[in-house]
Amino acid sequence: MFQLESTRLRLIPLNTTQLQLHAADYDALQRSLGLVPRPMQMEEYFQNEFDDALANYWLPETAANASRYEWFTNWLIVYKSENCVAGGIGVAGLPNDQGETEIGYGIDQSFRGQGVATEALECLAEWVFKNRALKALIAHTPVALVNSQRVLIKAGFEQISENEGLILWRKLNAN
């Protein structure tokens, strides 16, 4: 099974079958991956965003792009010492015509403030930037999500603009 590793984390990209299991029985997905099952603790807003992405983006896109599904899916962020899911992260597909793709993440409430998001973001960014066509990663955060903004700054993103309550961030490919 393909995955990425950092000091404290493993990032596991979910294929279409795994995403279907995620939608049907999240505990069963976790057990199938050898993880300690536990529910994700996230605010309703983030859970709704996740559910929408699962049904309307990850499932159809991983099915349509099976050979490169890693670019179109949710990656589980596994906290190695507890062997459990601490969140999710992913990019919005292969680089577009401008050489960009968007990255997003969500961290379980009990793992916030521990550097998990920053470590996962840096780990996935290192992998996606191996694609020479990728010139920049972009991210959006609501103005009110100061903690998420700190994560992006620590991971080397710079603020580009602010519009309608959202801040646009960018990290350039140094390769």
N, C-alpha and C. Protein backbone atom coordinates (compact mmCIF):
# COMPACT_ATOMS: atom_id res chain seq x y z
N MET A 1 0.85 -1.19 0.00
CA MET A 1 0.00 0.00 0.00
C MET A 1 0.89 1.25 0.00
N PHE A 2 0.61 2.14 -0.92
CA PHE A 2 1.36 3.39 -1.03
C PHE A 2 0.97 4.31 0.13
N GLN A 3 1.95 4.91 0.75
CA GLN A 3 1.72 5.91 1.79
C GLN A 3 2.97 6.76 1.95
N LEU A 4 2.81 7.88 2.62
CA LEU A 4 3.93 8.76 2.93
C LEU A 4 4.15 8.73 4.43
N GLU A 5 5.39 8.99 4.85
CA GLU A 5 5.68 9.03 6.27
C GLU A 5 6.49 10.26 6.63
N SER A 6 6.20 10.78 7.81
CA SER A 6 7.00 11.84 8.41
C SER A 6 7.39 11.36 9.80
N THR A 7 7.92 12.22 10.60
CA THR A 7 8.38 11.82 11.92
C THR A 7 7.28 11.17 12.74
N ARG A 8 6.12 11.82 12.84
CA ARG A 8 5.05 11.31 13.70
C ARG A 8 3.85 10.78 12.95
N LEU A 9 3.84 10.94 11.63
CA LEU A 9 2.62 10.67 10.87
C LEU A 9 2.84 9.71 9.71
N ARG A 10 1.74 9.04 9.33
CA ARG A 10 1.65 8.32 8.06
C ARG A 10 0.48 8.94 7.32
N LEU A 11 0.65 9.18 6.03
CA LEU A 11 -0.42 9.69 5.20
C LEU A 11 -0.82 8.59 4.23
N ILE A 12 -2.10 8.20 4.28
CA ILE A 12 -2.60 7.09 3.47
C ILE A 12 -3.65 7.62 2.50
N PRO A 13 -3.35 7.58 1.17
CA PRO A 13 -4.34 8.02 0.19
C PRO A 13 -5.39 6.93 -0.01
N LEU A 14 -6.65 7.32 0.00
CA LEU A 14 -7.73 6.35 -0.12
C LEU A 14 -8.14 6.18 -1.58
N ASN A 15 -8.19 4.92 -2.04
CA ASN A 15 -8.66 4.65 -3.39
C ASN A 15 -10.19 4.61 -3.39
N THR A 16 -10.78 4.41 -4.54
CA THR A 16 -12.24 4.45 -4.66
C THR A 16 -12.92 3.45 -3.73
N THR A 17 -12.42 2.23 -3.69
CA THR A 17 -13.02 1.19 -2.83
C THR A 17 -12.95 1.60 -1.37
N GLN A 18 -11.81 2.15 -0.96
CA GLN A 18 -11.66 2.59 0.43
C GLN A 18 -12.57 3.78 0.74
N LEU A 19 -12.72 4.68 -0.22
CA LEU A 19 -13.64 5.81 -0.03
C LEU A 19 -15.08 5.32 0.11
N GLN A 20 -15.46 4.31 -0.68
CA GLN A 20 -16.80 3.75 -0.57
C GLN A 20 -17.01 3.14 0.81
N LEU A 21 -16.02 2.44 1.32
CA LEU A 21 -16.10 1.87 2.67
C LEU A 21 -16.17 2.98 3.71
N HIS A 22 -15.40 4.05 3.48
CA HIS A 22 -15.44 5.21 4.38
C HIS A 22 -16.86 5.75 4.49
N ALA A 23 -17.52 5.87 3.34
CA ALA A 23 -18.89 6.40 3.32
C ALA A 23 -19.88 5.46 3.99
N ALA A 24 -19.65 4.15 3.85
CA ALA A 24 -20.60 3.17 4.38
C ALA A 24 -20.34 2.82 5.85
N ASP A 25 -19.06 2.69 6.23
CA ASP A 25 -18.73 2.22 7.59
C ASP A 25 -17.30 2.66 7.92
N TYR A 26 -17.19 3.84 8.50
CA TYR A 26 -15.88 4.43 8.79
C TYR A 26 -15.05 3.55 9.72
N ASP A 27 -15.67 2.93 10.72
CA ASP A 27 -14.93 2.04 11.61
C ASP A 27 -14.35 0.86 10.84
N ALA A 28 -15.13 0.30 9.92
CA ALA A 28 -14.66 -0.83 9.12
C ALA A 28 -13.47 -0.41 8.25
N LEU A 29 -13.50 0.80 7.70
CA LEU A 29 -12.36 1.29 6.92
C LEU A 29 -11.12 1.33 7.80
N GLN A 30 -11.26 1.91 8.98
CA GLN A 30 -10.11 2.02 9.87
C GLN A 30 -9.56 0.64 10.23
N ARG A 31 -10.43 -0.30 10.55
CA ARG A 31 -9.99 -1.66 10.88
C ARG A 31 -9.31 -2.32 9.68
N SER A 32 -9.85 -2.09 8.46
CA SER A 32 -9.26 -2.70 7.26
C SER A 32 -7.84 -2.20 7.01
N LEU A 33 -7.52 -1.03 7.53
CA LEU A 33 -6.18 -0.46 7.38
C LEU A 33 -5.29 -0.75 8.59
N GLY A 34 -5.81 -1.55 9.53
CA GLY A 34 -5.04 -1.89 10.73
C GLY A 34 -4.96 -0.78 11.74
N LEU A 35 -5.90 0.15 11.68
CA LEU A 35 -5.90 1.30 12.59
C LEU A 35 -6.84 1.07 13.77
N VAL A 36 -6.60 1.78 14.85
CA VAL A 36 -7.51 1.76 15.99
C VAL A 36 -8.69 2.65 15.63
N PRO A 37 -9.90 2.07 15.53
CA PRO A 37 -11.07 2.88 15.14
C PRO A 37 -11.43 3.92 16.20
N ARG A 38 -11.72 5.11 15.74
CA ARG A 38 -12.24 6.18 16.60
C ARG A 38 -12.97 7.17 15.71
N PRO A 39 -14.03 7.77 16.22
CA PRO A 39 -14.77 8.75 15.41
C PRO A 39 -13.97 10.04 15.26
N MET A 40 -14.18 10.72 14.13
CA MET A 40 -13.57 12.04 13.94
C MET A 40 -14.38 13.06 14.70
N GLN A 41 -13.70 13.94 15.39
CA GLN A 41 -14.35 15.02 16.12
C GLN A 41 -14.05 16.33 15.41
N MET A 42 -15.05 16.80 14.64
CA MET A 42 -14.90 18.03 13.89
C MET A 42 -16.18 18.85 14.00
N GLU A 43 -16.05 20.14 13.82
CA GLU A 43 -17.21 21.00 13.80
C GLU A 43 -18.13 20.62 12.65
N GLU A 44 -19.41 20.90 12.79
CA GLU A 44 -20.40 20.52 11.79
C GLU A 44 -20.06 21.10 10.42
N TYR A 45 -19.60 22.35 10.38
CA TYR A 45 -19.22 22.99 9.12
C TYR A 45 -18.19 22.16 8.37
N PHE A 46 -17.14 21.72 9.08
CA PHE A 46 -16.07 20.95 8.45
C PHE A 46 -16.55 19.56 8.07
N GLN A 47 -17.39 18.96 8.90
CA GLN A 47 -17.94 17.65 8.57
C GLN A 47 -18.80 17.73 7.31
N ASN A 48 -19.58 18.79 7.18
CA ASN A 48 -20.40 18.98 5.97
C ASN A 48 -19.53 19.15 4.73
N GLU A 49 -18.44 19.91 4.85
CA GLU A 49 -17.49 20.08 3.74
C GLU A 49 -16.89 18.74 3.34
N PHE A 50 -16.51 17.95 4.36
CA PHE A 50 -15.93 16.63 4.10
C PHE A 50 -16.93 15.73 3.38
N ASP A 51 -18.15 15.67 3.90
CA ASP A 51 -19.18 14.81 3.30
C ASP A 51 -19.46 15.20 1.85
N ASP A 52 -19.49 16.51 1.57
CA ASP A 52 -19.70 16.99 0.21
C ASP A 52 -18.54 16.58 -0.70
N ALA A 53 -17.31 16.75 -0.22
CA ALA A 53 -16.14 16.37 -1.02
C ALA A 53 -16.12 14.87 -1.28
N LEU A 54 -16.48 14.08 -0.29
CA LEU A 54 -16.49 12.63 -0.45
C LEU A 54 -17.47 12.21 -1.55
N ALA A 55 -18.69 12.70 -1.48
CA ALA A 55 -19.72 12.30 -2.44
C ALA A 55 -19.54 12.92 -3.82
N ASN A 56 -19.16 14.18 -3.86
CA ASN A 56 -19.19 14.91 -5.13
C ASN A 56 -17.83 15.16 -5.78
N TYR A 57 -16.74 14.82 -5.10
CA TYR A 57 -15.43 15.00 -5.71
C TYR A 57 -14.59 13.72 -5.62
N TRP A 58 -14.24 13.30 -4.39
CA TRP A 58 -13.31 12.19 -4.24
C TRP A 58 -13.79 10.90 -4.89
N LEU A 59 -15.03 10.50 -4.63
CA LEU A 59 -15.52 9.25 -5.21
C LEU A 59 -15.53 9.29 -6.75
N PRO A 60 -16.16 10.29 -7.37
CA PRO A 60 -16.14 10.29 -8.85
C PRO A 60 -14.75 10.51 -9.44
N GLU A 61 -13.95 11.35 -8.83
CA GLU A 61 -12.63 11.65 -9.41
C GLU A 61 -11.64 10.50 -9.25
N THR A 62 -11.67 9.80 -8.12
CA THR A 62 -10.77 8.65 -7.99
C THR A 62 -11.17 7.54 -8.94
N ALA A 63 -12.48 7.37 -9.18
CA ALA A 63 -12.95 6.37 -10.14
C ALA A 63 -12.51 6.73 -11.55
N ALA A 64 -12.56 8.01 -11.90
CA ALA A 64 -12.19 8.46 -13.24
C ALA A 64 -10.68 8.53 -13.44
N ASN A 65 -9.92 8.60 -12.35
CA ASN A 65 -8.47 8.76 -12.43
C ASN A 65 -7.77 7.69 -11.59
N ALA A 66 -8.14 6.44 -11.79
CA ALA A 66 -7.67 5.36 -10.93
C ALA A 66 -6.15 5.23 -10.89
N SER A 67 -5.46 5.50 -11.97
CA SER A 67 -4.01 5.33 -11.99
C SER A 67 -3.27 6.46 -11.27
N ARG A 68 -3.98 7.56 -11.01
CA ARG A 68 -3.36 8.71 -10.31
C ARG A 68 -4.29 9.20 -9.20
N TYR A 69 -4.99 8.26 -8.58
CA TYR A 69 -6.01 8.60 -7.58
C TYR A 69 -5.48 9.45 -6.43
N GLU A 70 -4.18 9.35 -6.14
CA GLU A 70 -3.59 10.10 -5.02
C GLU A 70 -3.81 11.61 -5.15
N TRP A 71 -3.95 12.07 -6.39
CA TRP A 71 -4.13 13.50 -6.66
C TRP A 71 -5.59 13.94 -6.49
N PHE A 72 -6.49 13.00 -6.28
CA PHE A 72 -7.92 13.30 -6.30
C PHE A 72 -8.66 12.78 -5.06
N THR A 73 -7.95 12.52 -3.99
CA THR A 73 -8.56 11.83 -2.86
C THR A 73 -8.24 12.48 -1.52
N ASN A 74 -8.88 11.94 -0.52
CA ASN A 74 -8.57 12.26 0.87
C ASN A 74 -7.46 11.31 1.32
N TRP A 75 -6.45 11.87 1.96
CA TRP A 75 -5.39 11.09 2.57
C TRP A 75 -5.65 11.09 4.07
N LEU A 76 -5.73 9.92 4.67
CA LEU A 76 -5.86 9.85 6.12
C LEU A 76 -4.54 10.27 6.75
N ILE A 77 -4.63 11.10 7.77
CA ILE A 77 -3.46 11.48 8.55
C ILE A 77 -3.47 10.57 9.78
N VAL A 78 -2.52 9.65 9.85
CA VAL A 78 -2.46 8.69 10.95
C VAL A 78 -1.37 9.11 11.92
N TYR A 79 -1.75 9.25 13.18
CA TYR A 79 -0.80 9.57 14.25
C TYR A 79 -0.16 8.24 14.66
N LYS A 80 1.11 8.05 14.30
CA LYS A 80 1.75 6.74 14.41
C LYS A 80 1.76 6.19 15.84
N SER A 81 2.04 7.01 16.84
CA SER A 81 2.18 6.49 18.20
C SER A 81 0.87 5.93 18.75
N GLU A 82 -0.26 6.41 18.25
CA GLU A 82 -1.56 5.92 18.69
C GLU A 82 -2.24 5.06 17.63
N ASN A 83 -1.64 4.97 16.44
CA ASN A 83 -2.17 4.21 15.31
C ASN A 83 -3.64 4.52 15.04
N CYS A 84 -3.94 5.81 15.03
CA CYS A 84 -5.33 6.23 14.78
C CYS A 84 -5.35 7.45 13.86
N VAL A 85 -6.51 7.70 13.28
CA VAL A 85 -6.67 8.83 12.36
C VAL A 85 -6.73 10.13 13.15
N ALA A 86 -5.88 11.08 12.75
CA ALA A 86 -5.84 12.40 13.38
C ALA A 86 -6.44 13.47 12.48
N GLY A 87 -6.77 13.10 11.24
CA GLY A 87 -7.34 14.07 10.31
C GLY A 87 -7.25 13.59 8.88
N GLY A 88 -7.46 14.52 7.97
CA GLY A 88 -7.38 14.22 6.55
C GLY A 88 -6.77 15.39 5.81
N ILE A 89 -6.20 15.09 4.64
CA ILE A 89 -5.55 16.12 3.82
C ILE A 89 -5.63 15.67 2.37
N GLY A 90 -5.56 16.59 1.45
CA GLY A 90 -5.55 16.21 0.04
C GLY A 90 -5.40 17.41 -0.87
N VAL A 91 -5.16 17.11 -2.14
CA VAL A 91 -5.07 18.15 -3.15
C VAL A 91 -6.22 17.98 -4.13
N ALA A 92 -6.52 19.04 -4.86
CA ALA A 92 -7.68 19.07 -5.77
C ALA A 92 -7.29 18.72 -7.19
N GLY A 93 -6.53 17.65 -7.36
CA GLY A 93 -6.20 17.18 -8.70
C GLY A 93 -4.82 17.58 -9.17
N LEU A 94 -4.51 17.13 -10.36
CA LEU A 94 -3.23 17.43 -11.00
C LEU A 94 -3.13 18.93 -11.27
N PRO A 95 -1.91 19.43 -11.50
CA PRO A 95 -1.75 20.86 -11.75
C PRO A 95 -2.61 21.35 -12.93
N ASN A 96 -3.19 22.52 -12.76
CA ASN A 96 -4.00 23.14 -13.83
C ASN A 96 -3.06 23.82 -14.84
N ASP A 97 -3.64 24.56 -15.76
CA ASP A 97 -2.85 25.22 -16.81
C ASP A 97 -1.86 26.25 -16.26
N GLN A 98 -2.13 26.76 -15.07
CA GLN A 98 -1.22 27.71 -14.42
C GLN A 98 -0.18 27.00 -13.56
N GLY A 99 -0.23 25.66 -13.53
CA GLY A 99 0.71 24.90 -12.71
C GLY A 99 0.36 24.89 -11.24
N GLU A 100 -0.93 25.03 -10.92
CA GLU A 100 -1.37 25.09 -9.53
C GLU A 100 -2.36 23.97 -9.21
N THR A 101 -2.40 23.60 -7.95
CA THR A 101 -3.48 22.80 -7.41
C THR A 101 -3.71 23.28 -5.98
N GLU A 102 -4.92 23.03 -5.51
CA GLU A 102 -5.28 23.49 -4.16
C GLU A 102 -5.09 22.36 -3.17
N ILE A 103 -4.69 22.72 -1.96
CA ILE A 103 -4.53 21.76 -0.88
C ILE A 103 -5.46 22.15 0.26
N GLY A 104 -5.99 21.15 0.94
CA GLY A 104 -6.86 21.39 2.08
C GLY A 104 -6.67 20.30 3.12
N TYR A 105 -7.07 20.58 4.34
CA TYR A 105 -6.87 19.63 5.43
C TYR A 105 -7.89 19.89 6.53
N GLY A 106 -8.09 18.88 7.35
CA GLY A 106 -8.95 18.99 8.52
C GLY A 106 -8.37 18.10 9.61
N ILE A 107 -8.30 18.63 10.81
CA ILE A 107 -7.68 17.90 11.92
C ILE A 107 -8.72 17.65 13.01
N ASP A 108 -8.73 16.42 13.51
CA ASP A 108 -9.59 16.05 14.63
C ASP A 108 -9.33 17.01 15.79
N GLN A 109 -10.38 17.40 16.47
CA GLN A 109 -10.25 18.38 17.55
C GLN A 109 -9.23 17.96 18.61
N SER A 110 -9.13 16.68 18.91
CA SER A 110 -8.21 16.24 19.97
C SER A 110 -6.75 16.26 19.54
N PHE A 111 -6.48 16.49 18.26
CA PHE A 111 -5.09 16.54 17.78
C PHE A 111 -4.66 17.95 17.37
N ARG A 112 -5.52 18.92 17.55
CA ARG A 112 -5.18 20.29 17.16
C ARG A 112 -4.19 20.90 18.15
N GLY A 113 -3.39 21.83 17.65
CA GLY A 113 -2.43 22.53 18.49
C GLY A 113 -1.18 21.72 18.80
N GLN A 114 -0.97 20.62 18.07
CA GLN A 114 0.19 19.76 18.31
C GLN A 114 1.13 19.70 17.11
N GLY A 115 0.89 20.52 16.10
CA GLY A 115 1.74 20.53 14.92
C GLY A 115 1.41 19.45 13.90
N VAL A 116 0.31 18.73 14.11
CA VAL A 116 -0.07 17.65 13.19
C VAL A 116 -0.38 18.20 11.80
N ALA A 117 -1.16 19.27 11.74
CA ALA A 117 -1.52 19.84 10.44
C ALA A 117 -0.29 20.33 9.69
N THR A 118 0.60 21.01 10.37
CA THR A 118 1.81 21.52 9.73
C THR A 118 2.67 20.37 9.20
N GLU A 119 2.85 19.34 10.02
CA GLU A 119 3.67 18.20 9.61
C GLU A 119 3.05 17.48 8.41
N ALA A 120 1.73 17.29 8.44
CA ALA A 120 1.05 16.63 7.32
C ALA A 120 1.14 17.48 6.05
N LEU A 121 0.94 18.78 6.19
CA LEU A 121 1.00 19.70 5.06
C LEU A 121 2.39 19.68 4.43
N GLU A 122 3.42 19.72 5.24
CA GLU A 122 4.79 19.70 4.72
C GLU A 122 5.09 18.36 4.04
N CYS A 123 4.60 17.28 4.61
CA CYS A 123 4.84 15.95 4.05
C CYS A 123 4.18 15.79 2.68
N LEU A 124 2.91 16.15 2.59
CA LEU A 124 2.21 16.02 1.31
C LEU A 124 2.77 17.01 0.28
N ALA A 125 3.11 18.21 0.71
CA ALA A 125 3.69 19.20 -0.21
C ALA A 125 4.99 18.69 -0.81
N GLU A 126 5.81 18.06 -0.02
CA GLU A 126 7.07 17.51 -0.53
C GLU A 126 6.80 16.49 -1.63
N TRP A 127 5.79 15.65 -1.45
CA TRP A 127 5.46 14.63 -2.46
C TRP A 127 4.88 15.27 -3.72
N VAL A 128 3.90 16.16 -3.60
CA VAL A 128 3.27 16.73 -4.80
C VAL A 128 4.24 17.60 -5.58
N PHE A 129 5.17 18.25 -4.90
CA PHE A 129 6.13 19.10 -5.60
C PHE A 129 7.15 18.29 -6.40
N LYS A 130 7.16 16.99 -6.30
CA LYS A 130 8.01 16.16 -7.15
C LYS A 130 7.49 16.18 -8.59
N ASN A 131 6.23 16.55 -8.77
CA ASN A 131 5.66 16.72 -10.10
C ASN A 131 6.14 18.07 -10.62
N ARG A 132 7.01 18.05 -11.61
CA ARG A 132 7.63 19.28 -12.13
C ARG A 132 6.62 20.26 -12.73
N ALA A 133 5.45 19.76 -13.14
CA ALA A 133 4.42 20.65 -13.69
C ALA A 133 3.77 21.50 -12.61
N LEU A 134 3.92 21.10 -11.36
CA LEU A 134 3.32 21.84 -10.25
C LEU A 134 4.23 23.00 -9.86
N LYS A 135 3.75 24.20 -10.15
CA LYS A 135 4.52 25.41 -9.83
C LYS A 135 4.18 25.95 -8.44
N ALA A 136 2.90 25.73 -8.00
CA ALA A 136 2.48 26.30 -6.72
C ALA A 136 1.31 25.52 -6.14
N LEU A 137 1.30 25.44 -4.83
CA LEU A 137 0.14 24.96 -4.08
C LEU A 137 -0.61 26.18 -3.60
N ILE A 138 -1.93 26.13 -3.66
CA ILE A 138 -2.72 27.22 -3.12
C ILE A 138 -3.64 26.67 -2.04
N ALA A 139 -4.07 27.54 -1.16
CA ALA A 139 -5.00 27.18 -0.08
C ALA A 139 -5.86 28.39 0.21
N HIS A 140 -7.05 28.12 0.70
CA HIS A 140 -7.96 29.18 1.13
C HIS A 140 -8.31 28.95 2.59
N THR A 141 -8.34 30.01 3.37
CA THR A 141 -8.81 29.91 4.75
C THR A 141 -9.75 31.07 5.05
N PRO A 142 -10.79 30.79 5.81
CA PRO A 142 -11.62 31.90 6.28
C PRO A 142 -10.79 32.83 7.17
N VAL A 143 -11.09 34.11 7.11
CA VAL A 143 -10.37 35.10 7.90
C VAL A 143 -10.39 34.74 9.38
N ALA A 144 -11.46 34.15 9.86
CA ALA A 144 -11.61 33.84 11.28
C ALA A 144 -10.78 32.64 11.73
N LEU A 145 -10.29 31.82 10.81
CA LEU A 145 -9.53 30.62 11.21
C LEU A 145 -8.04 30.93 11.37
N VAL A 146 -7.73 31.62 12.43
CA VAL A 146 -6.36 32.06 12.69
C VAL A 146 -5.42 30.88 12.87
N ASN A 147 -5.86 29.81 13.53
CA ASN A 147 -4.99 28.65 13.73
C ASN A 147 -4.59 28.02 12.40
N SER A 148 -5.53 27.93 11.47
CA SER A 148 -5.21 27.37 10.15
C SER A 148 -4.25 28.28 9.40
N GLN A 149 -4.40 29.57 9.58
CA GLN A 149 -3.48 30.52 8.95
C GLN A 149 -2.06 30.32 9.49
N ARG A 150 -1.94 30.08 10.79
CA ARG A 150 -0.62 29.82 11.39
C ARG A 150 0.01 28.56 10.80
N VAL A 151 -0.81 27.54 10.58
CA VAL A 151 -0.32 26.29 9.98
C VAL A 151 0.28 26.59 8.61
N LEU A 152 -0.44 27.34 7.79
CA LEU A 152 0.04 27.66 6.45
C LEU A 152 1.34 28.47 6.49
N ILE A 153 1.43 29.41 7.38
CA ILE A 153 2.65 30.22 7.52
C ILE A 153 3.82 29.33 7.92
N LYS A 154 3.62 28.46 8.92
CA LYS A 154 4.69 27.55 9.36
C LYS A 154 5.14 26.63 8.24
N ALA A 155 4.22 26.26 7.36
CA ALA A 155 4.54 25.35 6.25
C ALA A 155 5.09 26.08 5.03
N GLY A 156 5.33 27.39 5.15
CA GLY A 156 5.97 28.14 4.06
C GLY A 156 5.05 28.78 3.05
N PHE A 157 3.75 28.88 3.37
CA PHE A 157 2.81 29.55 2.47
C PHE A 157 2.85 31.05 2.74
N GLU A 158 2.57 31.84 1.71
CA GLU A 158 2.47 33.29 1.88
C GLU A 158 1.07 33.74 1.50
N GLN A 159 0.59 34.76 2.20
CA GLN A 159 -0.73 35.30 1.91
C GLN A 159 -0.67 36.10 0.62
N ILE A 160 -1.63 35.82 -0.28
CA ILE A 160 -1.67 36.48 -1.58
C ILE A 160 -2.74 37.56 -1.62
N SER A 161 -3.93 37.22 -1.14
CA SER A 161 -5.03 38.18 -1.18
C SER A 161 -6.11 37.80 -0.19
N GLU A 162 -7.05 38.71 -0.02
CA GLU A 162 -8.21 38.46 0.83
C GLU A 162 -9.43 38.97 0.08
N ASN A 163 -10.47 38.13 0.00
CA ASN A 163 -11.67 38.49 -0.73
C ASN A 163 -12.87 37.77 -0.14
N GLU A 164 -13.89 38.52 0.19
CA GLU A 164 -15.16 37.98 0.69
C GLU A 164 -14.97 37.04 1.87
N GLY A 165 -14.11 37.42 2.81
CA GLY A 165 -13.91 36.64 4.02
C GLY A 165 -12.97 35.46 3.89
N LEU A 166 -12.36 35.29 2.71
CA LEU A 166 -11.40 34.20 2.50
C LEU A 166 -10.03 34.78 2.18
N ILE A 167 -9.01 34.13 2.72
CA ILE A 167 -7.62 34.51 2.43
C ILE A 167 -7.05 33.47 1.47
N LEU A 168 -6.40 33.92 0.41
CA LEU A 168 -5.73 33.05 -0.54
C LEU A 168 -4.26 32.97 -0.16
N TRP A 169 -3.75 31.74 -0.10
CA TRP A 169 -2.36 31.48 0.25
C TRP A 169 -1.69 30.73 -0.90
N ARG A 170 -0.36 30.87 -0.99
CA ARG A 170 0.39 30.17 -2.05
C ARG A 170 1.76 29.75 -1.52
N LYS A 171 2.17 28.58 -1.97
CA LYS A 171 3.53 28.10 -1.70
C LYS A 171 4.12 27.69 -3.04
N LEU A 172 5.25 28.27 -3.40
CA LEU A 172 5.88 28.00 -4.68
C LEU A 172 6.74 26.74 -4.60
N ASN A 173 6.83 26.04 -5.72
CA ASN A 173 7.67 24.85 -5.82
C ASN A 173 9.12 25.29 -5.90
N ALA A 174 9.93 24.87 -4.94
CA ALA A 174 11.34 25.26 -4.90
C ALA A 174 12.21 24.34 -5.75
N ASN A 175 11.64 23.26 -6.28
CA ASN A 175 12.43 22.29 -7.07
C ASN A 175 12.73 22.82 -8.46
